[in-house]
Protein backbone atom coordinates (compact mmCIF):
# COMPACT_ATOMS: atom_id res chain seq x y z
CA MET A 1 -41.96 -4.75 -19.23
CA LEU A 2 -38.61 -6.43 -18.90
CA PRO A 3 -37.73 -8.43 -15.31
CA ALA A 4 -35.57 -5.78 -13.48
CA ARG A 5 -33.15 -7.33 -11.88
CA THR A 6 -32.13 -11.28 -12.35
CA PRO A 7 -32.51 -13.76 -9.83
CA ALA A 8 -29.15 -14.05 -9.34
CA LEU A 9 -28.50 -10.17 -8.60
CA LEU A 10 -31.75 -10.23 -6.21
CA ALA A 11 -30.23 -12.26 -4.16
CA ALA A 12 -26.82 -10.39 -4.08
CA LEU A 13 -28.59 -7.35 -3.12
CA ALA A 14 -30.40 -8.88 -0.07
CA PHE A 15 -27.52 -10.12 0.90
CA ALA A 16 -25.74 -6.87 0.51
CA ALA A 17 -28.45 -5.28 2.57
CA ALA A 18 -28.43 -7.98 5.42
CA SER A 19 -24.36 -7.12 5.63
CA TRP A 20 -25.07 -3.40 6.24
CA SER A 21 -27.89 -4.08 8.40
CA CYS A 22 -25.29 -5.59 10.92
CA GLU A 23 -22.88 -2.30 10.54
CA GLU A 24 -22.93 -0.21 14.17
CA ALA A 25 -25.60 2.55 14.73
CA GLY A 26 -24.66 5.85 14.25
CA GLY A 27 -25.25 8.70 11.79
CA ALA A 28 -27.69 8.23 9.22
CA ASP A 29 -28.92 4.88 8.11
CA PRO A 30 -26.71 3.31 5.29
CA LEU A 31 -30.09 1.41 4.10
CA ASP A 32 -31.74 4.40 3.48
CA ASP A 33 -29.01 5.85 0.70
CA LEU A 34 -28.72 1.83 -0.37
CA THR A 35 -32.76 1.72 -0.58
CA MET A 36 -32.91 5.25 -2.79
CA PHE A 37 -29.82 3.62 -4.66
CA ASP A 38 -31.82 0.43 -5.65
CA GLN A 39 -35.41 2.09 -6.28
CA ALA A 40 -33.13 4.55 -8.90
CA VAL A 41 -31.58 1.22 -10.32
CA ALA A 42 -34.90 -0.43 -10.54
CA SER A 43 -36.55 2.22 -12.67
CA PHE A 44 -34.29 1.14 -15.60
CA GLU A 45 -35.64 -1.61 -17.64
CA ARG A 46 -32.81 -4.88 -17.94
CA ALA A 47 -32.38 -7.78 -20.31
CA PRO A 48 -31.24 -11.11 -18.75
CA LEU A 49 -27.93 -11.30 -20.09
CA ALA A 50 -25.18 -11.02 -17.55
CA HIS A 51 -24.26 -13.65 -15.30
CA LEU A 52 -24.17 -11.66 -11.41
CA PRO A 53 -23.43 -11.13 -9.30
CA THR A 54 -20.06 -12.20 -10.74
CA PRO A 55 -16.64 -13.41 -8.16
CA PHE A 56 -15.04 -11.02 -5.47
CA GLU A 57 -11.48 -12.93 -4.63
CA GLU A 58 -8.33 -12.18 -2.90
CA MET A 59 -5.50 -11.91 -5.18
CA ALA A 60 -2.64 -13.11 -2.23
CA ALA A 61 -0.04 -14.45 -3.93
CA LEU A 62 0.51 -11.37 -6.46
CA SER A 63 0.31 -8.92 -3.61
CA ALA A 64 2.93 -10.98 -1.90
CA GLU A 65 4.96 -11.12 -4.89
CA VAL A 66 5.08 -7.24 -5.69
CA GLY A 67 5.13 -6.64 -2.06
CA GLY A 68 1.82 -4.55 -2.03
CA PRO A 69 -1.38 -3.86 -0.18
CA ARG A 70 -3.51 -6.37 -0.28
CA LEU A 71 -4.92 -6.82 -3.60
CA PHE A 72 -8.43 -8.15 -4.88
CA VAL A 73 -9.94 -8.84 -8.38
CA LYS A 74 -13.59 -8.07 -9.06
CA ARG A 75 -14.04 -10.92 -11.73
CA ASP A 76 -16.16 -8.91 -14.68
CA ASP A 77 -14.34 -11.17 -16.98
CA GLN A 78 -16.96 -13.58 -15.73
CA THR A 79 -20.50 -12.22 -16.76
CA GLY A 80 -21.15 -15.12 -18.90
CA LEU A 81 -21.78 -13.86 -22.35
CA ALA A 82 -19.64 -14.67 -25.07
CA PHE A 83 -16.45 -15.11 -23.24
CA GLY A 84 -17.69 -12.49 -20.52
CA GLY A 85 -16.49 -8.43 -20.16
CA ASN A 86 -17.55 -5.72 -18.71
CA LYS A 87 -20.13 -4.88 -21.55
CA ALA A 88 -22.32 -7.99 -20.52
CA ARG A 89 -23.69 -5.64 -17.35
CA LYS A 90 -24.09 -2.37 -19.95
CA LEU A 91 -26.00 -4.60 -22.51
CA ASP A 92 -28.67 -5.54 -19.92
CA PHE A 93 -29.57 -1.93 -20.04
CA ILE A 94 -29.05 -0.81 -23.58
CA LEU A 95 -30.57 -3.99 -25.76
CA ALA A 96 -33.65 -3.76 -22.89
CA ASP A 97 -33.98 -0.19 -24.21
CA ALA A 98 -33.70 -1.45 -27.59
CA LEU A 99 -36.32 -3.89 -27.17
CA ALA A 100 -38.73 -1.38 -25.69
CA ARG A 101 -38.11 0.50 -28.48
CA GLY A 102 -39.25 -2.27 -31.31
CA SER A 103 -35.73 -2.32 -32.15
CA GLN A 104 -35.11 -5.25 -34.73
CA SER A 105 -31.17 -4.52 -35.45
CA VAL A 106 -28.05 -2.81 -33.32
CA VAL A 107 -25.75 -0.55 -35.34
CA THR A 108 -22.99 0.27 -33.19
CA TRP A 109 -19.52 0.84 -34.23
CA ALA A 110 -15.87 0.18 -32.82
CA GLY A 111 -12.16 -1.22 -33.72
CA VAL A 112 -12.03 -4.52 -35.87
CA GLN A 113 -10.96 -5.98 -32.34
CA SER A 114 -13.54 -4.77 -30.05
CA ASN A 115 -15.23 -6.72 -26.89
CA TRP A 116 -18.15 -4.12 -27.26
CA ALA A 117 -18.78 -5.35 -31.08
CA ARG A 118 -18.47 -8.94 -29.96
CA MET A 119 -20.87 -8.96 -26.63
CA THR A 120 -23.20 -6.68 -28.36
CA ALA A 121 -23.63 -9.19 -31.40
CA ALA A 122 -23.94 -12.27 -28.85
CA GLY A 123 -26.17 -9.99 -27.11
CA SER A 124 -28.43 -9.20 -29.88
CA ARG A 125 -28.65 -12.90 -30.87
CA ARG A 126 -29.65 -13.78 -27.80
CA LEU A 127 -32.62 -10.90 -27.77
CA GLY A 128 -34.02 -12.10 -31.40
CA MET A 129 -32.09 -8.76 -33.12
CA THR A 130 -29.56 -8.47 -35.83
CA PRO A 131 -26.20 -7.18 -34.95
CA ILE A 132 -24.59 -4.36 -37.47
CA LEU A 133 -21.16 -3.77 -36.67
CA VAL A 134 -18.96 -0.93 -38.53
CA LEU A 135 -15.09 -1.83 -37.52
CA GLN A 136 -12.35 0.13 -38.23
CA ARG A 137 -8.70 -1.43 -38.46
CA GLY A 138 -6.27 0.81 -36.83
CA GLU A 139 -3.10 1.66 -38.41
CA HIS A 140 -0.72 -0.61 -37.17
CA GLN A 141 -3.64 -3.49 -36.59
CA SER A 142 -3.82 -6.35 -39.44
CA VAL A 143 -7.34 -7.72 -39.76
CA SER A 144 -7.26 -11.48 -40.31
CA PRO A 145 -10.38 -13.09 -40.62
CA ALA A 146 -11.08 -15.68 -38.14
CA ASP A 147 -9.14 -14.15 -35.59
CA GLY A 148 -9.68 -12.86 -31.94
CA ASN A 149 -13.24 -10.97 -31.57
CA LEU A 150 -13.44 -10.84 -35.17
CA LEU A 151 -13.81 -14.45 -35.61
CA LEU A 152 -16.53 -14.58 -32.77
CA ASP A 153 -18.24 -11.55 -34.76
CA ARG A 154 -18.27 -13.76 -37.90
CA LEU A 155 -19.56 -16.92 -35.66
CA LEU A 156 -22.26 -14.90 -33.85
CA GLY A 157 -23.57 -13.57 -37.75
CA ALA A 158 -23.16 -10.26 -37.67
CA GLU A 159 -23.52 -8.06 -40.32
CA LEU A 160 -19.87 -6.74 -40.43
CA HIS A 161 -18.57 -3.75 -42.20
CA LEU A 162 -15.03 -3.62 -42.45
CA LEU A 163 -13.13 0.05 -42.91
CA GLU A 164 -9.75 0.74 -43.47
CA PRO A 165 -7.65 3.80 -41.84
CA GLY A 166 -9.11 6.92 -42.90
CA GLU A 167 -12.43 5.74 -44.42
CA ASP A 168 -15.57 7.97 -43.36
CA ARG A 169 -16.71 5.71 -40.40
CA ASP A 170 -19.68 7.74 -39.68
CA ALA A 171 -20.81 8.29 -43.49
CA VAL A 172 -21.02 4.21 -43.16
CA VAL A 173 -23.43 4.08 -40.21
CA GLU A 174 -25.32 6.78 -41.56
CA GLU A 175 -25.79 4.37 -44.16
CA VAL A 176 -26.32 1.21 -42.34
CA THR A 177 -29.07 3.04 -40.46
CA LYS A 178 -30.96 3.99 -42.96
CA ALA A 179 -30.92 1.42 -45.07
CA GLU A 180 -32.12 -0.57 -41.64
CA GLN A 181 -35.19 2.24 -41.66
CA ALA A 182 -36.02 1.72 -45.10
CA ALA A 183 -36.43 -1.78 -44.35
CA GLY A 184 -38.81 -1.29 -41.51
CA ARG A 185 -36.44 -3.13 -38.73
CA ASN A 186 -36.20 0.40 -36.69
CA PRO A 187 -32.76 -0.05 -35.60
CA TYR A 188 -31.23 0.76 -32.48
CA VAL A 189 -27.78 2.92 -32.87
CA VAL A 190 -25.65 2.92 -29.80
CA SER A 191 -21.90 4.61 -29.61
CA VAL A 192 -18.87 2.35 -29.12
CA GLY A 193 -18.63 1.28 -25.70
CA GLY A 194 -22.04 2.18 -24.86
CA SER A 195 -20.66 5.17 -23.42
CA ARG A 196 -22.24 8.10 -24.78
CA THR A 197 -25.73 9.21 -25.27
CA GLY A 198 -27.05 10.41 -28.76
CA GLY A 199 -28.13 7.79 -31.55
CA SER A 200 -31.15 5.97 -30.25
CA MET A 201 -29.74 5.77 -26.85
CA ASP A 202 -31.20 8.76 -24.40
CA ARG A 203 -29.71 8.09 -21.23
CA PRO A 204 -26.29 6.97 -20.11
CA LEU A 205 -27.44 3.14 -20.07
CA GLY A 206 -23.84 1.93 -20.05
CA ALA A 207 -22.69 4.34 -16.73
CA VAL A 208 -25.97 3.39 -14.74
CA ALA A 209 -24.95 -0.55 -15.23
CA TYR A 210 -21.54 0.27 -13.45
CA ALA A 211 -23.07 2.51 -11.09
CA ASN A 212 -24.92 -0.71 -10.01
CA ALA A 213 -22.01 -3.14 -10.24
CA PHE A 214 -20.50 -0.95 -7.56
CA ARG A 215 -23.22 -1.29 -5.22
CA GLU A 216 -22.91 -5.07 -5.97
CA LEU A 217 -18.74 -5.08 -5.21
CA LEU A 218 -19.23 -3.01 -1.87
CA GLY A 219 -21.97 -5.30 -0.78
CA GLN A 220 -20.02 -8.69 -1.32
CA ALA A 221 -16.62 -6.88 0.13
CA ARG A 222 -18.26 -5.64 3.65
CA ALA A 223 -19.65 -9.30 3.85
CA GLU A 224 -16.07 -10.38 3.97
CA GLY A 225 -15.42 -7.54 6.41
CA VAL A 226 -13.10 -5.72 3.85
CA GLY A 227 -12.99 -1.80 3.93
CA ILE A 228 -12.16 -1.29 0.21
CA THR A 229 -10.08 1.91 -0.29
CA HIS A 230 -9.06 1.79 -3.91
CA LEU A 231 -10.44 0.48 -7.19
CA VAL A 232 -8.23 0.39 -10.38
CA HIS A 233 -9.50 -0.06 -13.63
CA ALA A 234 -8.81 0.00 -17.10
CA SER A 235 -10.15 3.29 -18.98
CA GLY A 236 -11.50 3.38 -22.04
CA SER A 237 -14.93 5.43 -23.53
CA GLY A 238 -15.18 6.10 -20.14
CA SER A 239 -18.40 4.75 -19.01
CA THR A 240 -17.71 1.97 -16.91
CA GLN A 241 -15.17 4.54 -14.62
CA ALA A 242 -18.47 7.01 -14.72
CA GLY A 243 -20.92 4.47 -13.31
CA LEU A 244 -17.82 3.45 -10.80
CA VAL A 245 -17.66 7.12 -9.61
CA VAL A 246 -21.54 7.49 -8.94
CA GLY A 247 -21.58 4.15 -7.47
CA ALA A 248 -18.92 5.39 -4.98
CA ARG A 249 -19.72 9.20 -4.65
CA ALA A 250 -23.56 7.72 -3.66
CA LEU A 251 -22.57 4.86 -1.35
CA ALA A 252 -18.91 4.79 -0.19
CA PRO A 253 -16.85 8.52 -1.24
CA GLU A 254 -13.94 7.18 0.72
CA VAL A 255 -13.02 4.98 -2.07
CA GLU A 256 -11.02 5.94 -4.55
CA ILE A 257 -11.78 5.18 -8.23
CA ILE A 258 -8.64 5.18 -10.55
CA GLY A 259 -8.34 4.97 -14.07
CA ILE A 260 -5.38 3.95 -16.07
CA SER A 261 -5.64 4.57 -19.51
CA SER A 262 -5.75 2.52 -22.49
CA GLY A 263 -4.93 4.75 -24.97
CA GLY A 264 -6.20 8.56 -24.55
CA SER A 265 -5.21 11.81 -22.53
CA LYS A 266 -5.41 12.21 -19.00
CA GLU A 267 -7.24 15.33 -19.63
CA ALA A 268 -9.50 14.11 -22.44
CA GLY A 269 -10.35 11.26 -20.04
CA GLU A 270 -10.97 13.23 -17.13
CA ARG A 271 -13.20 15.71 -19.15
CA ASN A 272 -15.07 12.77 -20.72
CA VAL A 273 -15.75 10.90 -17.44
CA LEU A 274 -16.88 13.87 -15.37
CA ALA A 275 -19.15 14.15 -18.11
CA ILE A 276 -20.93 10.95 -18.37
CA ALA A 277 -20.77 10.71 -14.17
CA ARG A 278 -22.55 13.93 -13.86
CA GLU A 279 -25.42 12.97 -16.46
CA THR A 280 -25.59 9.36 -15.26
CA ALA A 281 -26.27 11.17 -11.22
CA GLU A 282 -29.32 12.99 -13.28
CA ALA A 283 -30.99 10.22 -14.96
CA MET A 284 -30.73 8.01 -11.97
CA GLY A 285 -32.22 10.96 -9.83
CA LEU A 286 -29.49 11.08 -7.42
CA ASP A 287 -28.28 14.20 -5.16
CA LEU A 288 -24.81 14.23 -5.58
CA THR A 289 -21.91 16.21 -6.16
CA ILE A 290 -19.51 15.20 -8.62
CA ASP A 291 -16.59 17.67 -8.92
CA PRO A 292 -13.19 17.14 -11.05
CA GLU A 293 -11.44 16.16 -8.10
CA HIS A 294 -13.60 13.24 -7.99
CA VAL A 295 -12.28 11.61 -11.07
CA THR A 296 -8.76 10.45 -11.51
CA VAL A 297 -7.51 8.49 -14.91
CA LEU A 298 -3.89 8.12 -15.57
CA ASP A 299 -1.87 8.05 -18.56
CA ASP A 300 1.40 7.41 -17.72
CA TYR A 301 1.24 3.66 -19.15
CA VAL A 302 -0.22 3.96 -22.15
CA GLY A 303 3.25 3.86 -23.69
CA GLU A 304 3.00 4.13 -27.51
CA GLY A 305 -0.55 4.07 -27.75
CA TYR A 306 -3.71 2.05 -28.36
CA GLY A 307 -3.74 -1.45 -28.26
CA ILE A 308 0.29 -1.28 -28.82
CA LEU A 309 1.77 -4.37 -26.80
CA ASN A 310 4.73 -2.97 -24.76
CA GLU A 311 7.01 -4.66 -22.24
CA ALA A 312 4.94 -3.41 -18.90
CA VAL A 313 2.05 -5.10 -20.48
CA VAL A 314 3.30 -8.47 -21.24
CA GLU A 315 5.11 -8.51 -17.73
CA ALA A 316 1.59 -7.98 -15.86
CA ILE A 317 0.55 -10.46 -18.18
CA THR A 318 2.56 -13.24 -17.25
CA LEU A 319 2.78 -12.17 -13.70
CA THR A 320 -0.71 -12.36 -13.18
CA ALA A 321 -1.19 -15.56 -14.70
CA ARG A 322 1.60 -17.56 -13.02
CA THR A 323 0.51 -16.10 -9.33
CA GLU A 324 -3.09 -16.53 -9.96
CA GLY A 325 -4.15 -18.09 -12.81
CA ILE A 326 -6.22 -15.06 -14.20
CA LEU A 327 -5.87 -14.37 -17.68
CA LEU A 328 -5.31 -10.90 -18.86
CA ASP A 329 -5.96 -9.00 -22.31
CA PRO A 330 -2.69 -7.02 -24.22
CA VAL A 331 -5.13 -4.19 -24.85
CA TYR A 332 -7.18 -3.09 -21.67
CA THR A 333 -6.70 -4.88 -18.58
CA GLY A 334 -3.54 -6.09 -19.49
CA LYS A 335 -2.17 -2.21 -19.48
CA ALA A 336 -4.49 -1.34 -16.21
CA MET A 337 -2.44 -4.09 -14.45
CA GLY A 338 0.59 -2.75 -15.97
CA GLY A 339 -0.55 0.20 -14.22
CA LEU A 340 -1.35 -1.01 -10.38
CA LEU A 341 1.84 -2.72 -10.27
CA ALA A 342 3.49 0.13 -11.52
CA LEU A 343 1.57 2.37 -8.50
CA VAL A 344 2.11 -0.56 -5.93
CA ARG A 345 6.14 -0.52 -6.71
CA ASP A 346 5.93 3.13 -6.90
CA GLY A 347 4.49 3.71 -2.91
CA ARG A 348 0.91 4.89 -4.09
CA PHE A 349 -0.36 2.73 -1.83
CA SER A 350 -0.28 2.07 2.23
CA PRO A 351 0.35 -1.47 3.41
CA THR A 352 -3.35 -1.61 5.02
CA ASP A 353 -4.85 -0.54 1.89
CA ALA A 354 -7.41 -2.85 0.34
CA VAL A 355 -7.15 -2.37 -3.44
CA VAL A 356 -9.62 -4.02 -5.91
CA PHE A 357 -8.70 -4.99 -9.64
CA LEU A 358 -11.62 -4.72 -11.82
CA HIS A 359 -11.25 -6.98 -14.46
CA THR A 360 -13.37 -6.19 -16.94
CA GLY A 361 -12.36 -9.07 -19.39
CA GLY A 362 -11.31 -8.81 -23.20
CA THR A 363 -9.60 -12.23 -22.93
CA PRO A 364 -10.10 -13.45 -26.73
CA ALA A 365 -7.78 -10.23 -27.81
CA LEU A 366 -5.10 -12.37 -26.55
CA PHE A 367 -5.00 -14.29 -29.69
CA PRO A 368 -4.29 -11.82 -32.02
CA TYR A 369 -0.95 -11.05 -30.47
CA ARG A 370 0.30 -14.31 -29.82
CA GLU A 371 3.44 -13.30 -31.29
CA GLY A 372 4.13 -10.45 -29.04
CA LEU A 373 3.28 -12.26 -26.32
CA LEU A 374 5.94 -15.38 -26.81
CA GLU A 375 8.47 -12.95 -27.88
CA GLY A 376 8.15 -11.33 -24.27
CA LEU A 377 7.57 -14.02 -21.67
CA PRO A 378 9.95 -14.62 -19.25
CA THR A 379 11.68 -17.92 -19.58
CA ASP A 380 11.25 -18.32 -15.75
CA GLY A 381 8.81 -17.86 -13.37
CA PRO A 382 7.47 -14.99 -12.04
């Protein structure tokens, strides 16, 4: 049996529970819900990969610059595994499941500059399994063998299968999986982002990780006297947002979770997140009602499409770097911050709101986009 929690997370949970116990009495004891929630999370095995808890910080300079509400950041770019990012939390649960099944290799797929692929490779190596990555180039994407996440995949010794646009990815995944099975390595097959069940993963473990991340965040915020009103983040394959929705519905339904689409449509994104969230609540044994109105995915800031740099993304990356010293990436967090800044400027939040930006990592992707970023940089300050 693997350890259920890292010592750092145990300390964070104890600290959060203590802070809640100091709240004014009235209504149901919030510790009852917290205890049930923690017991639900503890029923899943964990591998000690992520460095937790991640920092929770105020972005006062950025807030002042845009004349917005109080802005905070949850630094899941600092999860510690191979440049960090939100996937480390997911892999705590997913790779623990792989080990419990006796797998010696992990098979997954994504794009050539995938953060998920890079962190899966790192986590697999750390736990003694071989990472096998099926990576497909996008239509407008060049592939350098020594740049960004692809360089890191190679350094980590992942077995790479690089596909051109239009090649049958599913057929390659099936072929690789059968070869691993024939070699007796019992491969663990998991979808991009660790988001959807299927393959070897029969429970939404990635989303469970982010339900627990919301619990961690809420404890930190309440310990500092911050009443979170909104959480904004990049929404892609869906399990991060689904987990956040489950955590919010269980522990703080007043908090609105806003996903900024990295490429897909609002309708498809919301359907996907809703399905994963409902599956997650069921897997955790939580008696929750999760309706369509509890899921918000905005596609207003997608621009020309997934992974395509635009002026708003460059401005968001630059402004955040020059006010807070925080680096964002061009594909996910830069686009999400661009969406957050637009929402602030459009009056979406009141001056008294406390808005958290979840930094999901991805900074190695800055380097393959160097030319476009340099062309768009302002010549003066923010």
